[in-house]
Amino acid sequence: MKWKDEWAKLVLIVAAFLVCFYLPVEWLQGSQRLRSAVWEALHLVHWYAREHVLLCLVPAFFIAGAIAVFVSQASVMKYLGAKANKVLAYGVASVSGTILAVCSCTVLPLFAGIYRMGAGLGPGTAFLYSGPAINVLAIILTARVLGLELGVARAVGAILFSIVIGLAMHLIFRKEELAKANAQAELPEPQVSRPLWQNAIFFAAIVGVLVFANWGKSDSTTGVWYAIHSAKWIITAVFAAALGLILVFWIKVSWSKIVLAAIPTAILAALFRHEPMIPFAAAVVGLSWATSTNEGEGSEWFTSSWGFAKQILPLLLGGVLVAGALLGRPGQEGLIPSEWVTKAVGGNSLGANFFASLAGAFMYFATLTEVPILQGLIGSGMGKGPALALLLAGPALSLPNMLVIRSVMGTKKTVVFVSLVVVMATASGIIYGTVFG
């Protein structure tokens, strides 16, 4: 028996007992703030479920699953290797996060694999930062929930960050990188099951469904944006039909299953023309059934997509509940008084931006949970600069993430990497807050 482990368990049990023993139930029972926090948590999770899960998250889960199945690891390493073209390597690494749905911990096995198999430190750390910092789910949710301005700033900032951090890491440790490149063997050519153009069209169809199903309403009653919004569900249906044909002819899903999945969707679309969520939900159920019961790549795609859903959705909804309880909705109070938040991260001072960056770096954000949490913080008085600083530092780092990175590339490189992220996030927050505050 390891007594050290047993003592740790005993300490936890005693701590839990003391919390229960001294729990101020009388105060909690009469606390208006606690009752308000419960209602705010329920209101926020209700809003999130109605507005974001079905139209936004579900298509993105299918995109993430498709990437895992149809994009080979050999291809990733080919473009990120130490001997790869530098412009291409940093370009691929910096935008990789836009198509990955991973958190700061999920990206670690990918980073460890490409780094140990020969990826350069610069492209590797660019990928390490970009992967969790910005992905297709985060782009849509940040712009839709927190505003287009902050969403664009996050996307541009994360891409630039990944390149600058990667180049800085390469220059700081250039002697080690030169020796690694000289000793590195050529990576094997990737094995592909279909032409690249077919995969490109396949991904375009799924992304088209995601983009146009979430196309926002314009304030104007004229113009291209308004015209697209008026026809958004027709356009979405065209992309969905194209996806069905691709599944039949290229992914080899049974045509009879695709037809059986499409018929209820078409009927419901005709019956509920003003309730598009109903036929859209039917389409999701039909696609899930058709692919999950199919042998080969279709089944693999569904299994991978379902894995992302199981991993992300419970954490996201849990994060929404916690954010609502602690911080409330914009304009509403949760457990934490808004004046506390204003003092810590209000305004655009160096201290506020640095605090947001440092706190975000050590906190763990499951993929997308930073969006509802930040929504509550902004509603409680957080400044625009610190908000961007947290968005740029938080999702990319966490304490467990740092510990694993250290085991892969050592203490010195880890300290430099973390410091670069925190310092650059702080500087970006100050600049953004000054320009747009």
Protein backbone atom coordinates (compact mmCIF):
# COMPACT_ATOMS: atom_id res chain seq x y z
CA MET A 1 0.00 0.00 0.00
CA LYS A 2 1.32 3.45 -0.94
CA TRP A 3 0.71 5.51 2.17
CA LYS A 4 1.42 8.75 0.31
CA ASP A 5 -1.60 8.15 -1.93
CA GLU A 6 -3.74 7.11 1.03
CA TRP A 7 -2.84 10.28 2.95
CA ALA A 8 -3.81 12.34 -0.09
CA LYS A 9 -7.20 10.62 -0.17
CA LEU A 10 -7.63 11.22 3.55
CA VAL A 11 -6.90 14.92 3.17
CA LEU A 12 -9.52 15.18 0.41
CA ILE A 13 -12.11 13.36 2.52
CA VAL A 14 -11.41 15.61 5.52
CA ALA A 15 -11.59 18.72 3.35
CA ALA A 16 -14.94 17.63 1.89
CA PHE A 17 -16.23 16.88 5.40
CA LEU A 18 -15.21 20.34 6.67
CA VAL A 19 -16.95 22.00 3.73
CA CYS A 20 -20.14 20.09 4.51
CA PHE A 21 -19.79 20.72 8.26
CA TYR A 22 -19.41 24.48 7.93
CA LEU A 23 -21.72 24.95 4.92
CA PRO A 24 -23.74 28.14 5.64
CA VAL A 25 -27.10 26.69 4.64
CA GLU A 26 -29.09 29.32 6.55
CA TRP A 27 -27.33 32.14 4.72
CA LEU A 28 -27.61 30.35 1.39
CA GLN A 29 -31.30 29.74 1.87
CA GLY A 30 -32.01 33.42 2.29
CA SER A 31 -29.51 34.64 -0.29
CA GLN A 32 -31.09 36.51 -3.18
CA ARG A 33 -27.77 36.38 -5.04
CA LEU A 34 -27.70 32.56 -4.88
CA ARG A 35 -31.25 32.27 -6.20
CA SER A 36 -30.41 34.72 -8.96
CA ALA A 37 -27.27 32.72 -9.83
CA VAL A 38 -29.31 29.50 -10.24
CA TRP A 39 -31.80 31.19 -12.55
CA GLU A 40 -29.02 32.87 -14.55
CA ALA A 41 -27.32 29.50 -15.08
CA LEU A 42 -30.56 27.96 -16.35
CA HIS A 43 -31.39 30.94 -18.58
CA LEU A 44 -27.93 30.93 -20.16
CA VAL A 45 -27.83 27.18 -20.86
CA HIS A 46 -31.38 27.36 -22.28
CA TRP A 47 -30.33 30.15 -24.64
CA TYR A 48 -27.18 28.30 -25.69
CA ALA A 49 -29.04 25.09 -26.42
CA ARG A 50 -31.60 26.89 -28.60
CA GLU A 51 -29.24 29.19 -30.48
CA HIS A 52 -25.95 27.35 -30.91
CA VAL A 53 -25.94 23.60 -30.42
CA LEU A 54 -27.91 22.20 -33.35
CA LEU A 55 -27.05 24.67 -36.12
CA CYS A 56 -23.51 25.52 -35.07
CA LEU A 57 -21.93 22.74 -33.05
CA VAL A 58 -23.38 19.64 -34.72
CA PRO A 59 -22.10 20.47 -38.24
CA ALA A 60 -18.75 21.42 -36.73
CA PHE A 61 -18.54 18.03 -35.00
CA PHE A 62 -18.99 16.35 -38.38
CA ILE A 63 -16.25 18.58 -39.83
CA ALA A 64 -13.89 17.68 -36.99
CA GLY A 65 -14.65 13.98 -37.46
CA ALA A 66 -14.02 14.23 -41.19
CA ILE A 67 -10.63 15.81 -40.59
CA ALA A 68 -9.66 12.97 -38.27
CA VAL A 69 -10.67 10.32 -40.82
CA PHE A 70 -9.86 11.84 -44.22
CA VAL A 71 -6.70 13.89 -43.48
CA SER A 72 -3.67 11.64 -43.01
CA GLN A 73 -1.10 12.20 -40.29
CA ALA A 74 1.63 11.63 -42.88
CA SER A 75 0.36 14.63 -44.82
CA VAL A 76 0.46 16.80 -41.70
CA MET A 77 4.04 15.80 -40.95
CA LYS A 78 5.07 16.35 -44.55
CA TYR A 79 4.01 19.97 -44.41
CA LEU A 80 5.31 20.66 -40.88
CA GLY A 81 8.65 18.87 -41.05
CA ALA A 82 11.97 20.54 -40.33
CA LYS A 83 12.95 20.21 -44.01
CA ALA A 84 9.66 21.46 -45.39
CA ASN A 85 9.37 24.77 -47.20
CA LYS A 86 9.27 27.38 -44.40
CA VAL A 87 6.55 29.54 -45.93
CA LEU A 88 4.38 26.47 -46.51
CA ALA A 89 5.17 24.98 -43.08
CA TYR A 90 4.26 28.11 -41.11
CA GLY A 91 1.29 28.77 -43.35
CA VAL A 92 -0.13 25.29 -42.73
CA ALA A 93 0.63 25.40 -38.99
CA SER A 94 -0.87 28.86 -38.48
CA VAL A 95 -4.24 27.99 -40.01
CA SER A 96 -4.45 24.39 -38.80
CA GLY A 97 -6.57 25.45 -35.85
CA THR A 98 -9.32 26.73 -38.10
CA ILE A 99 -10.18 23.11 -39.00
CA LEU A 100 -9.36 21.42 -35.70
CA ALA A 101 -11.77 21.14 -32.77
CA VAL A 102 -9.30 20.50 -29.98
CA CYS A 103 -8.54 21.99 -26.58
CA SER A 104 -5.16 22.76 -25.05
CA CYS A 105 -4.85 19.16 -23.80
CA THR A 106 -6.27 17.33 -26.83
CA VAL A 107 -3.73 18.96 -29.13
CA LEU A 108 -0.83 17.55 -27.09
CA PRO A 109 -0.73 14.01 -28.57
CA LEU A 110 -0.78 15.54 -32.07
CA PHE A 111 2.04 17.91 -31.18
CA ALA A 112 4.10 15.20 -29.47
CA GLY A 113 3.68 12.93 -32.49
CA ILE A 114 4.75 15.43 -35.13
CA TYR A 115 7.55 16.84 -32.96
CA ARG A 116 9.12 13.48 -32.14
CA MET A 117 8.80 12.32 -35.76
CA GLY A 118 10.70 15.31 -37.10
CA ALA A 119 8.54 18.42 -37.22
CA GLY A 120 10.58 21.57 -36.73
CA LEU A 121 10.33 23.42 -33.42
CA GLY A 122 9.04 26.55 -35.17
CA PRO A 123 6.20 24.94 -37.18
CA GLY A 124 5.55 22.54 -34.30
CA THR A 125 4.98 25.29 -31.73
CA ALA A 126 3.00 27.31 -34.29
CA PHE A 127 0.72 24.28 -34.63
CA LEU A 128 0.69 23.79 -30.84
CA TYR A 129 -0.58 27.33 -30.36
CA SER A 130 -2.90 27.54 -33.37
CA GLY A 131 -4.64 24.18 -32.79
CA PRO A 132 -6.61 25.08 -29.66
CA ALA A 133 -6.42 28.87 -30.01
CA ILE A 134 -8.59 29.11 -33.09
CA ASN A 135 -10.84 26.57 -34.79
CA VAL A 136 -13.91 26.65 -36.99
CA LEU A 137 -16.22 26.26 -33.99
CA ALA A 138 -14.52 29.09 -32.11
CA ILE A 139 -14.57 31.41 -35.13
CA ILE A 140 -18.33 31.04 -35.56
CA LEU A 141 -19.20 31.13 -31.85
CA THR A 142 -16.93 34.05 -30.93
CA ALA A 143 -18.21 36.22 -33.78
CA ARG A 144 -21.82 35.24 -33.21
CA VAL A 145 -21.90 35.49 -29.41
CA LEU A 146 -19.28 38.15 -28.62
CA GLY A 147 -19.52 40.21 -31.79
CA LEU A 148 -17.94 40.23 -35.24
CA GLU A 149 -15.23 42.70 -34.18
CA LEU A 150 -13.86 40.47 -31.41
CA GLY A 151 -14.28 37.35 -33.54
CA VAL A 152 -12.17 38.79 -36.36
CA ALA A 153 -9.58 40.10 -33.88
CA ARG A 154 -9.31 36.63 -32.34
CA ALA A 155 -8.92 34.90 -35.70
CA VAL A 156 -6.32 37.34 -37.04
CA GLY A 157 -4.50 37.55 -33.71
CA ALA A 158 -4.25 33.77 -33.32
CA ILE A 159 -2.88 33.27 -36.84
CA LEU A 160 -0.30 36.05 -36.43
CA PHE A 161 0.56 34.81 -32.92
CA SER A 162 1.25 31.30 -34.14
CA ILE A 163 3.63 32.53 -36.84
CA VAL A 164 5.47 35.00 -34.58
CA ILE A 165 5.76 32.49 -31.71
CA GLY A 166 6.96 29.76 -34.09
CA LEU A 167 9.58 32.02 -35.66
CA ALA A 168 10.71 33.27 -32.24
CA MET A 169 11.11 29.70 -30.95
CA HIS A 170 13.06 28.75 -34.08
CA LEU A 171 15.41 31.74 -33.75
CA ILE A 172 15.96 31.33 -30.00
CA PHE A 173 16.85 27.64 -30.40
CA ARG A 174 18.23 27.84 -33.96
CA LYS A 175 21.42 25.84 -33.20
CA GLU A 176 19.42 22.85 -31.98
CA GLU A 177 17.06 23.16 -34.93
CA LEU A 178 19.92 23.21 -37.44
CA ALA A 179 21.39 20.04 -35.96
CA LYS A 180 17.96 18.38 -36.00
CA ALA A 181 17.36 19.29 -39.65
CA ASN A 182 20.76 17.94 -40.72
CA ALA A 183 20.16 14.62 -38.97
CA GLN A 184 16.55 14.20 -40.07
CA ALA A 185 15.50 11.56 -42.56
CA GLU A 186 12.96 12.29 -45.24
CA LEU A 187 9.35 11.69 -44.24
CA PRO A 188 7.45 9.03 -46.22
CA GLU A 189 4.99 10.08 -48.88
CA PRO A 190 1.40 9.96 -47.62
CA GLN A 191 -0.94 7.25 -48.90
CA VAL A 192 -4.18 8.73 -50.24
CA SER A 193 -7.43 6.88 -50.93
CA ARG A 194 -8.91 9.56 -53.23
CA PRO A 195 -7.74 12.68 -55.09
CA LEU A 196 -7.21 15.87 -53.13
CA TRP A 197 -9.88 17.72 -55.14
CA GLN A 198 -12.53 15.23 -54.03
CA ASN A 199 -11.67 15.76 -50.35
CA ALA A 200 -11.70 19.52 -50.94
CA ILE A 201 -15.23 19.40 -52.40
CA PHE A 202 -16.36 17.10 -49.57
CA PHE A 203 -15.15 19.56 -46.92
CA ALA A 204 -16.59 22.51 -48.86
CA ALA A 205 -20.04 20.89 -48.77
CA ILE A 206 -19.97 20.39 -44.99
CA VAL A 207 -18.57 23.87 -44.34
CA GLY A 208 -21.23 25.30 -46.66
CA VAL A 209 -23.98 23.74 -44.52
CA LEU A 210 -22.38 25.18 -41.37
CA VAL A 211 -21.85 28.69 -42.76
CA PHE A 212 -25.22 29.23 -44.44
CA ALA A 213 -27.31 27.58 -41.72
CA ASN A 214 -25.83 30.20 -39.37
CA TRP A 215 -25.95 33.15 -41.79
CA GLY A 216 -26.92 36.20 -39.73
CA LYS A 217 -29.79 38.55 -40.46
CA SER A 218 -28.83 41.93 -41.87
CA ASP A 219 -30.14 45.19 -40.42
CA SER A 220 -30.77 46.34 -43.98
CA THR A 221 -33.63 45.10 -46.17
CA THR A 222 -31.53 45.31 -49.33
CA GLY A 223 -28.11 44.19 -50.48
CA VAL A 224 -26.25 40.93 -50.93
CA TRP A 225 -26.18 40.02 -47.21
CA TYR A 226 -29.97 40.39 -46.96
CA ALA A 227 -30.49 38.40 -50.18
CA ILE A 228 -28.31 35.55 -48.93
CA HIS A 229 -30.13 35.53 -45.59
CA SER A 230 -33.49 35.37 -47.37
CA ALA A 231 -32.32 32.32 -49.32
CA LYS A 232 -30.11 30.80 -46.59
CA TRP A 233 -32.12 27.60 -46.17
CA ILE A 234 -32.34 27.00 -49.93
CA ILE A 235 -28.56 27.41 -50.17
CA THR A 236 -28.09 25.16 -47.13
CA ALA A 237 -30.30 22.52 -48.77
CA VAL A 238 -28.20 22.66 -51.97
CA PHE A 239 -25.01 22.04 -49.98
CA ALA A 240 -26.73 19.23 -48.06
CA ALA A 241 -27.85 17.60 -51.32
CA ALA A 242 -24.32 17.86 -52.69
CA LEU A 243 -23.05 16.22 -49.49
CA GLY A 244 -25.51 13.37 -50.00
CA LEU A 245 -24.25 12.74 -53.53
CA ILE A 246 -20.64 12.82 -52.33
CA LEU A 247 -21.43 10.27 -49.63
CA VAL A 248 -22.95 7.92 -52.20
CA PHE A 249 -20.37 8.17 -54.98
CA TRP A 250 -17.10 8.87 -53.10
CA ILE A 251 -17.56 7.70 -49.50
CA LYS A 252 -19.57 4.65 -50.64
CA VAL A 253 -22.51 5.09 -48.28
CA SER A 254 -25.53 3.10 -49.47
CA TRP A 255 -27.74 5.23 -51.73
CA SER A 256 -30.88 3.68 -50.25
CA LYS A 257 -29.89 4.89 -46.77
CA ILE A 258 -29.25 8.42 -48.06
CA VAL A 259 -32.67 8.44 -49.75
CA LEU A 260 -34.39 7.11 -46.61
CA ALA A 261 -32.65 9.85 -44.59
CA ALA A 262 -33.60 12.56 -47.11
CA ILE A 263 -37.32 11.76 -47.43
CA PRO A 264 -38.37 12.67 -43.84
CA THR A 265 -36.24 15.81 -44.05
CA ALA A 266 -37.94 16.93 -47.27
CA ILE A 267 -41.43 16.22 -45.86
CA LEU A 268 -40.72 18.13 -42.65
CA ALA A 269 -39.21 21.01 -44.62
CA ALA A 270 -42.49 21.32 -46.56
CA LEU A 271 -44.65 21.06 -43.43
CA PHE A 272 -42.56 23.34 -41.21
CA ARG A 273 -41.34 26.02 -43.60
CA HIS A 274 -41.20 28.58 -40.78
CA GLU A 275 -39.51 26.20 -38.31
CA PRO A 276 -36.28 25.18 -40.10
CA MET A 277 -34.79 23.72 -36.93
CA ILE A 278 -37.17 20.73 -37.23
CA PRO A 279 -36.11 19.54 -40.73
CA PHE A 280 -32.50 20.39 -39.89
CA ALA A 281 -32.69 18.13 -36.83
CA ALA A 282 -34.22 15.39 -38.99
CA ALA A 283 -31.35 15.75 -41.45
CA VAL A 284 -28.81 15.37 -38.64
CA VAL A 285 -30.55 12.24 -37.35
CA GLY A 286 -30.76 10.81 -40.87
CA LEU A 287 -27.09 11.52 -41.63
CA SER A 288 -26.06 9.96 -38.33
CA TRP A 289 -28.11 6.82 -39.03
CA ALA A 290 -26.93 6.46 -42.63
CA THR A 291 -23.23 6.81 -41.80
CA SER A 292 -23.21 4.89 -38.50
CA THR A 293 -24.86 1.82 -40.06
CA ASN A 294 -22.58 1.88 -43.10
CA GLU A 295 -19.37 -0.10 -43.28
CA GLY A 296 -16.08 1.58 -44.14
CA GLU A 297 -15.29 5.29 -44.14
CA GLY A 298 -18.86 6.38 -43.45
CA SER A 299 -18.92 4.51 -40.16
CA GLU A 300 -15.46 5.77 -39.25
CA TRP A 301 -16.58 9.34 -39.94
CA PHE A 302 -19.61 9.04 -37.68
CA THR A 303 -17.60 7.36 -34.90
CA SER A 304 -15.00 10.11 -34.97
CA SER A 305 -17.65 12.85 -35.03
CA TRP A 306 -19.51 11.23 -32.15
CA GLY A 307 -16.24 11.09 -30.21
CA PHE A 308 -15.83 14.86 -30.58
CA ALA A 309 -19.45 15.40 -29.54
CA LYS A 310 -19.08 13.25 -26.42
CA GLN A 311 -15.88 15.05 -25.49
CA ILE A 312 -16.96 18.63 -26.13
CA LEU A 313 -20.72 18.98 -25.66
CA PRO A 314 -20.98 17.98 -21.96
CA LEU A 315 -18.03 20.23 -21.11
CA LEU A 316 -19.51 23.09 -23.11
CA LEU A 317 -22.93 22.91 -21.47
CA GLY A 318 -21.26 22.49 -18.08
CA GLY A 319 -19.15 25.56 -18.81
CA VAL A 320 -22.27 27.52 -19.77
CA LEU A 321 -23.96 26.55 -16.49
CA VAL A 322 -20.92 27.55 -14.44
CA ALA A 323 -20.53 30.81 -16.36
CA GLY A 324 -24.18 31.66 -15.84
CA ALA A 325 -24.06 30.86 -12.12
CA LEU A 326 -20.84 32.75 -11.45
CA LEU A 327 -21.20 35.69 -13.80
CA GLY A 328 -24.78 35.79 -15.07
CA ARG A 329 -25.89 36.98 -18.48
CA PRO A 330 -24.90 40.39 -19.84
CA GLY A 331 -26.64 42.98 -17.68
CA GLN A 332 -27.46 40.42 -14.96
CA GLU A 333 -25.61 39.46 -11.78
CA GLY A 334 -24.37 36.01 -10.81
CA LEU A 335 -22.53 34.94 -7.65
CA ILE A 336 -19.52 37.15 -8.44
CA PRO A 337 -20.32 40.87 -8.12
CA SER A 338 -19.55 42.79 -11.30
CA GLU A 339 -17.47 45.34 -9.38
CA TRP A 340 -14.94 42.60 -8.54
CA VAL A 341 -14.48 41.82 -12.20
CA THR A 342 -14.26 45.50 -13.09
CA LYS A 343 -11.44 46.03 -10.60
CA ALA A 344 -9.42 43.04 -11.87
CA VAL A 345 -9.92 43.20 -15.64
CA GLY A 346 -11.87 46.38 -16.24
CA GLY A 347 -10.40 49.12 -18.38
CA ASN A 348 -7.31 48.69 -20.50
CA SER A 349 -4.38 49.01 -18.09
CA LEU A 350 -1.21 46.95 -18.29
CA GLY A 351 -2.18 45.19 -15.05
CA ALA A 352 -5.67 44.28 -16.32
CA ASN A 353 -4.33 42.84 -19.59
CA PHE A 354 -1.49 40.98 -17.89
CA PHE A 355 -3.85 39.54 -15.25
CA ALA A 356 -6.25 38.33 -17.96
CA SER A 357 -3.38 36.76 -19.94
CA LEU A 358 -1.74 35.07 -16.95
CA ALA A 359 -4.99 33.81 -15.44
CA GLY A 360 -6.10 32.49 -18.83
CA ALA A 361 -2.77 30.74 -19.36
CA PHE A 362 -3.12 28.68 -16.16
CA MET A 363 -6.87 28.00 -16.38
CA TYR A 364 -8.19 25.02 -18.33
CA PHE A 365 -10.69 25.87 -21.05
CA ALA A 366 -12.39 22.96 -22.74
CA THR A 367 -12.99 23.75 -26.41
CA LEU A 368 -15.52 26.59 -26.77
CA THR A 369 -16.18 27.01 -23.03
CA GLU A 370 -14.14 30.22 -23.13
CA VAL A 371 -16.92 31.85 -25.18
CA PRO A 372 -19.75 31.68 -22.59
CA ILE A 373 -17.30 32.37 -19.76
CA LEU A 374 -15.99 35.46 -21.52
CA GLN A 375 -19.53 36.51 -22.37
CA GLY A 376 -20.31 36.59 -18.67
CA LEU A 377 -17.09 38.45 -17.86
CA ILE A 378 -17.78 41.13 -20.48
CA GLY A 379 -21.29 41.52 -19.14
CA SER A 380 -19.79 42.00 -15.68
CA GLY A 381 -17.44 44.79 -16.74
CA MET A 382 -14.40 43.21 -18.41
CA GLY A 383 -12.61 45.55 -20.81
CA LYS A 384 -12.24 44.81 -24.51
CA GLY A 385 -8.44 44.60 -24.30
CA PRO A 386 -8.33 42.06 -21.45
CA ALA A 387 -11.10 40.10 -23.21
CA LEU A 388 -8.92 39.65 -26.30
CA ALA A 389 -5.88 38.93 -24.10
CA LEU A 390 -7.76 36.09 -22.40
CA LEU A 391 -9.01 34.75 -25.75
CA LEU A 392 -5.46 34.66 -27.12
CA ALA A 393 -3.81 33.11 -24.04
CA GLY A 394 -6.52 31.02 -22.39
CA PRO A 395 -7.60 28.35 -24.90
CA ALA A 396 -4.00 27.71 -26.04
CA LEU A 397 -2.54 27.05 -22.59
CA SER A 398 -3.38 25.46 -19.26
CA LEU A 399 -1.43 24.11 -16.31
CA PRO A 400 -1.78 20.42 -17.36
CA ASN A 401 -0.91 21.49 -20.92
CA MET A 402 2.33 23.08 -19.68
CA LEU A 403 3.33 19.97 -17.76
CA VAL A 404 2.94 17.76 -20.84
CA ILE A 405 4.73 20.23 -23.11
CA ARG A 406 7.67 20.19 -20.66
CA SER A 407 7.88 16.40 -20.94
CA VAL A 408 8.01 16.67 -24.74
CA MET A 409 10.43 19.53 -25.37
CA GLY A 410 12.00 20.30 -21.97
CA THR A 411 11.71 22.96 -19.30
CA LYS A 412 13.61 25.74 -21.06
CA LYS A 413 11.60 25.61 -24.28
CA THR A 414 8.34 25.36 -22.33
CA VAL A 415 9.12 28.44 -20.22
CA VAL A 416 10.02 30.42 -23.35
CA PHE A 417 6.86 29.28 -25.16
CA VAL A 418 4.54 30.15 -22.25
CA SER A 419 6.26 33.50 -21.70
CA LEU A 420 5.89 34.42 -25.37
CA VAL A 421 2.17 33.65 -25.29
CA VAL A 422 1.52 35.67 -22.11
CA VAL A 423 3.59 38.68 -23.17
CA MET A 424 2.14 38.81 -26.69
CA ALA A 425 -1.43 38.37 -25.42
CA THR A 426 -0.90 41.24 -22.97
CA ALA A 427 0.52 43.52 -25.68
CA SER A 428 -2.26 42.62 -28.12
CA GLY A 429 -4.90 43.33 -25.49
CA ILE A 430 -3.45 46.78 -24.81
CA ILE A 431 -3.32 47.63 -28.53
CA TYR A 432 -6.83 46.29 -29.22
CA GLY A 433 -8.30 48.04 -26.19
CA THR A 434 -6.66 51.33 -27.20
CA VAL A 435 -7.92 51.18 -30.79
CA PHE A 436 -11.41 49.76 -30.23
CA GLY A 437 -12.07 50.54 -26.57
